[in-house]
């Protein structure tokens, strides 16, 4: 069913005075335009993780409401645009379900949330919000000079697509601008890129049994496992560096 068809079905049901209920195919029709990679198995994986809890018919078929669809938009957009692990997104949803505003939402995402559901305004705000920055915007938001940005590009620390940079490039540029104040230039930071590539190789090997399966649930599990392993690698790296720093004072 097309997205328009799903919307027409929703309208018809609403006009009939009955609750608007969607089956999983209709949910996919509503989400696929903004999230082409979403699949039924991925939605079932999110259900398994407790991120969405559709009702069931006596025959066991899932029944979704508008609020379920907006929750799914919230989860999919935060994963796609902000690369957040599901446990962090689950904390946001738990806060929403308690009628609270989640803390530490990503920059630019409003915390105006209706109790017990993700409201349409917030879901729309984060849907499709994969930021693309021009070189001028990158310079303005990072505080870096044009010379520094050019150096970061030339040393492969950041890259653009069609002259536009993403949020990862912004984070890297901000960090490098701060490090430049301590005398660390882009040429000194190339080992970080090499280390990141090696770390990604470790993560990729660790999740390869899942990525070799082509179903959506396995791909979702692989992405989530990769995020968790990456966090653990960063924690290990930080602990090792802090250990060396601590010995400076001994």
Protein backbone atom coordinates (compact mmCIF):
# COMPACT_ATOMS: atom_id res chain seq x y z
CA UNK A 1 0.00 0.00 0.00
CA UNK A 2 1.22 3.48 -0.85
CA UNK A 3 1.77 6.18 1.77
CA UNK A 4 -1.23 8.10 0.40
CA UNK A 5 -3.31 4.95 0.55
CA UNK A 6 -2.45 4.46 4.21
CA UNK A 7 -3.38 8.07 4.93
CA UNK A 8 -6.69 7.67 3.10
CA UNK A 9 -7.39 4.55 5.12
CA UNK A 10 -6.60 6.44 8.31
CA UNK A 11 -8.96 9.24 7.31
CA UNK A 12 -11.75 6.82 6.44
CA UNK A 13 -11.48 5.04 9.76
CA UNK A 14 -11.41 8.33 11.62
CA UNK A 15 -14.50 9.56 9.82
CA UNK A 16 -16.28 6.36 10.74
CA UNK A 17 -15.75 7.24 14.41
CA UNK A 18 -13.71 4.16 15.09
CA UNK A 19 -10.19 4.12 16.59
CA UNK A 20 -7.53 4.40 13.90
CA UNK A 21 -5.76 1.05 13.86
CA UNK A 22 -2.98 0.04 11.47
CA UNK A 23 -1.53 -3.34 10.66
CA UNK A 24 2.21 -3.68 10.22
CA UNK A 25 2.01 -3.28 6.44
CA UNK A 26 0.16 0.02 6.83
CA UNK A 27 2.73 1.18 9.36
CA UNK A 28 5.49 0.44 6.86
CA UNK A 29 3.59 2.39 4.21
CA UNK A 30 3.53 5.44 6.49
CA UNK A 31 7.20 5.19 7.47
CA UNK A 32 8.92 4.03 4.31
CA UNK A 33 8.98 7.43 2.59
CA UNK A 34 11.15 8.94 5.35
CA UNK A 35 12.87 5.70 6.35
CA UNK A 36 13.33 3.49 3.26
CA UNK A 37 15.30 0.85 5.17
CA UNK A 38 12.58 0.12 7.72
CA UNK A 39 11.19 -3.41 7.54
CA UNK A 40 8.61 -5.47 9.37
CA UNK A 41 11.38 -7.46 11.05
CA UNK A 42 13.02 -4.25 12.29
CA UNK A 43 9.72 -3.13 13.82
CA UNK A 44 9.39 -6.54 15.47
CA UNK A 45 12.94 -6.08 16.82
CA UNK A 46 11.94 -2.73 18.35
CA UNK A 47 8.94 -4.45 19.90
CA UNK A 48 11.25 -7.11 21.32
CA UNK A 49 13.32 -4.32 22.90
CA UNK A 50 10.22 -2.74 24.44
CA UNK A 51 10.36 0.45 22.39
CA UNK A 52 6.86 -0.01 21.00
CA UNK A 53 4.12 -2.29 22.30
CA UNK A 54 1.29 -2.78 19.81
CA UNK A 55 -1.86 -4.56 20.87
CA UNK A 56 -2.65 -8.00 19.48
CA UNK A 57 -5.81 -9.42 17.98
CA UNK A 58 -7.07 -12.78 19.30
CA UNK A 59 -5.34 -14.31 16.27
CA UNK A 60 -2.03 -12.66 17.26
CA UNK A 61 -1.88 -9.93 14.62
CA UNK A 62 -0.26 -6.65 15.69
CA UNK A 63 -2.43 -3.54 15.89
CA UNK A 64 -0.71 -0.15 15.83
CA UNK A 65 -2.12 3.29 16.63
CA UNK A 66 -0.98 6.76 15.56
CA UNK A 67 1.02 7.08 18.79
CA UNK A 68 2.87 3.84 18.01
CA UNK A 69 3.80 5.22 14.59
CA UNK A 70 5.08 8.46 16.10
CA UNK A 71 7.16 6.47 18.62
CA UNK A 72 8.66 4.54 15.74
CA UNK A 73 9.45 7.80 13.92
CA UNK A 74 11.16 9.02 17.07
CA UNK A 75 13.29 5.88 17.38
CA UNK A 76 14.18 5.68 13.68
CA UNK A 77 15.09 9.36 13.41
CA UNK A 78 17.27 9.38 16.52
CA UNK A 79 19.10 6.31 15.30
CA UNK A 80 19.55 7.62 11.77
CA UNK A 81 20.36 11.27 12.49
CA UNK A 82 22.02 11.07 15.91
CA UNK A 83 23.38 7.48 15.97
CA UNK A 84 22.05 6.89 19.48
CA UNK A 85 22.00 3.39 20.98
CA UNK A 86 18.60 1.92 21.74
CA UNK A 87 19.18 1.97 25.49
CA UNK A 88 19.51 5.77 25.37
CA UNK A 89 16.40 6.09 23.20
CA UNK A 90 14.59 3.75 25.61
CA UNK A 91 15.47 6.12 28.47
CA UNK A 92 13.93 8.98 26.48
CA UNK A 93 10.77 6.97 25.89
CA UNK A 94 10.56 5.92 29.55
CA UNK A 95 10.71 9.60 30.53
CA UNK A 96 8.00 10.43 27.99
CA UNK A 97 5.81 7.61 29.33
CA UNK A 98 6.19 9.10 32.82
CA UNK A 99 4.99 12.44 31.46
CA UNK A 100 8.45 13.99 31.76
CA UNK A 101 10.74 15.67 29.26
CA UNK A 102 13.78 13.48 28.55
CA UNK A 103 17.12 14.94 29.60
CA UNK A 104 20.11 15.45 27.33
CA UNK A 105 18.23 15.29 24.05
CA UNK A 106 20.50 15.94 21.05
CA UNK A 107 21.12 19.58 20.09
CA UNK A 108 18.35 21.08 18.02
CA UNK A 109 15.70 18.58 19.15
CA UNK A 110 12.88 20.14 21.13
CA UNK A 111 11.90 18.61 24.46
CA UNK A 112 8.25 19.69 24.10
CA UNK A 113 6.64 16.28 24.51
CA UNK A 114 3.05 15.30 25.20
CA UNK A 115 2.61 12.97 28.21
CA UNK A 116 2.68 9.26 27.48
CA UNK A 117 3.44 9.60 23.79
CA UNK A 118 5.77 11.23 21.35
CA UNK A 119 3.78 14.10 19.91
CA UNK A 120 3.62 14.73 16.18
CA UNK A 121 5.47 18.04 16.45
CA UNK A 122 8.54 16.43 17.99
CA UNK A 123 8.44 13.44 15.67
CA UNK A 124 8.20 15.73 12.64
CA UNK A 125 11.02 17.88 13.97
CA UNK A 126 13.51 15.04 14.13
CA UNK A 127 12.26 13.16 11.06
CA UNK A 128 14.55 13.82 8.14
CA UNK A 129 16.86 15.87 10.29
CA UNK A 130 20.16 14.56 8.94
CA UNK A 131 21.94 17.89 9.06
CA UNK A 132 23.98 19.10 6.12
CA UNK A 133 26.26 22.07 6.64
CA UNK A 134 28.01 24.27 4.13
CA UNK A 135 31.65 25.18 4.75
CA UNK A 136 30.53 28.59 6.06
CA UNK A 137 28.04 26.97 8.44
CA UNK A 138 30.66 24.51 9.62
CA UNK A 139 33.06 27.34 10.31
CA UNK A 140 30.40 29.37 12.12
CA UNK A 141 29.12 26.53 14.32
CA UNK A 142 32.51 25.03 15.15
CA UNK A 143 34.45 28.25 15.68
CA UNK A 144 37.22 26.87 13.46
CA UNK A 145 39.04 28.95 10.89
CA UNK A 146 38.74 28.26 7.18
CA UNK A 147 42.42 27.30 7.21
CA UNK A 148 41.84 24.70 9.93
CA UNK A 149 38.86 23.23 8.10
CA UNK A 150 40.87 22.99 4.88
CA UNK A 151 43.64 21.22 6.79
CA UNK A 152 41.19 18.77 8.34
CA UNK A 153 39.87 17.94 4.89
CA UNK A 154 43.36 17.55 3.41
CA UNK A 155 44.43 15.21 6.21
CA UNK A 156 41.27 13.12 5.84
CA UNK A 157 39.85 13.90 9.27
CA UNK A 158 36.63 15.26 7.79
CA UNK A 159 35.07 15.04 4.36
CA UNK A 160 32.17 16.56 2.48
CA UNK A 161 29.66 15.25 0.00
CA UNK A 162 28.70 17.72 -2.66
CA UNK A 163 30.37 20.46 -0.64
CA UNK A 164 28.24 19.72 2.45
CA UNK A 165 29.36 18.37 5.83
CA UNK A 166 27.42 16.24 8.33
CA UNK A 167 27.13 16.34 12.12
CA UNK A 168 30.09 14.00 12.49
CA UNK A 169 32.28 16.52 10.65
CA UNK A 170 30.99 19.24 12.96
CA UNK A 171 31.90 17.24 16.07
CA UNK A 172 35.36 16.44 14.71
CA UNK A 173 35.95 20.07 13.75
CA UNK A 174 34.89 21.36 17.18
CA UNK A 175 37.24 18.91 18.89
CA UNK A 176 40.13 19.77 16.57
CA UNK A 177 39.57 23.50 17.05
CA UNK A 178 39.83 23.02 20.82
CA UNK A 179 42.94 20.86 20.43
CA UNK A 180 44.50 23.50 18.18
CA UNK A 181 44.41 25.87 21.16
CA UNK A 182 46.78 23.40 22.87
CA UNK A 183 49.15 23.38 19.92
CA UNK A 184 47.88 20.16 18.34
CA UNK A 185 47.53 20.64 14.59
CA UNK A 186 45.65 18.42 12.13
CA UNK A 187 48.88 16.74 11.04
CA UNK A 188 49.36 15.59 14.65
CA UNK A 189 45.86 14.10 14.74
CA UNK A 190 46.10 11.69 11.81
CA UNK A 191 46.77 8.75 14.19
CA UNK A 192 43.26 9.25 15.57
CA UNK A 193 41.81 8.58 12.13
CA UNK A 194 43.96 5.48 11.75
CA UNK A 195 42.95 4.29 15.23
CA UNK A 196 39.26 4.89 14.44
CA UNK A 197 39.57 2.81 11.28
CA UNK A 198 41.24 -0.03 13.20
CA UNK A 199 38.55 0.14 15.88
CA UNK A 200 35.84 0.02 13.23
CA UNK A 201 37.54 -3.06 11.80
CA UNK A 202 37.27 -4.75 15.21
CA UNK A 203 33.63 -3.78 15.54
CA UNK A 204 32.87 -4.94 12.01
CA UNK A 205 34.41 -8.36 12.67
CA UNK A 206 32.55 -8.70 15.96
CA UNK A 207 29.15 -8.12 14.36
CA UNK A 208 29.84 -9.95 11.09
CA UNK A 209 27.73 -13.00 12.09
CA UNK A 210 24.73 -10.65 12.22
CA UNK A 211 25.56 -8.52 9.19
CA UNK A 212 25.84 -11.65 7.06
CA UNK A 213 22.10 -12.13 7.53
CA UNK A 214 20.01 -9.91 5.31
CA UNK A 215 16.79 -9.67 7.33
CA UNK A 216 15.94 -6.34 8.93
CA UNK A 217 15.97 -7.60 12.51
CA UNK A 218 19.51 -8.96 12.15
CA UNK A 219 20.67 -5.69 10.59
CA UNK A 220 19.11 -3.76 13.47
CA UNK A 221 20.76 -6.06 16.01
CA UNK A 222 24.10 -5.65 14.24
CA UNK A 223 23.84 -1.85 14.31
CA UNK A 224 22.90 -1.86 17.98
CA UNK A 225 25.72 -4.28 18.87
CA UNK A 226 28.17 -2.10 16.92
CA UNK A 227 27.12 0.95 18.94
CA UNK A 228 27.55 -0.92 22.22
CA UNK A 229 30.97 -2.29 21.25
CA UNK A 230 32.05 1.16 20.11
CA UNK A 231 31.04 2.66 23.46
CA UNK A 232 33.03 -0.02 25.28
CA UNK A 233 36.07 0.63 23.07
CA UNK A 234 35.84 4.35 23.84
CA UNK A 235 35.58 3.59 27.57
CA UNK A 236 38.65 1.34 27.35
CA UNK A 237 40.60 4.00 25.42
CA UNK A 238 39.67 6.68 27.94
CA UNK A 239 40.62 4.47 30.91
CA UNK A 240 44.02 3.64 29.38
CA UNK A 241 44.82 7.29 28.64
CA UNK A 242 43.62 8.42 32.08
CA UNK A 243 45.85 5.77 33.63
CA UNK A 244 48.90 7.26 31.91
CA UNK A 245 47.87 10.76 32.98
CA UNK A 246 47.41 9.63 36.58
CA UNK A 247 50.98 8.32 36.62
CA UNK A 248 52.21 11.82 35.75
CA UNK A 249 51.25 12.90 39.27
CA UNK A 250 52.75 9.89 41.02
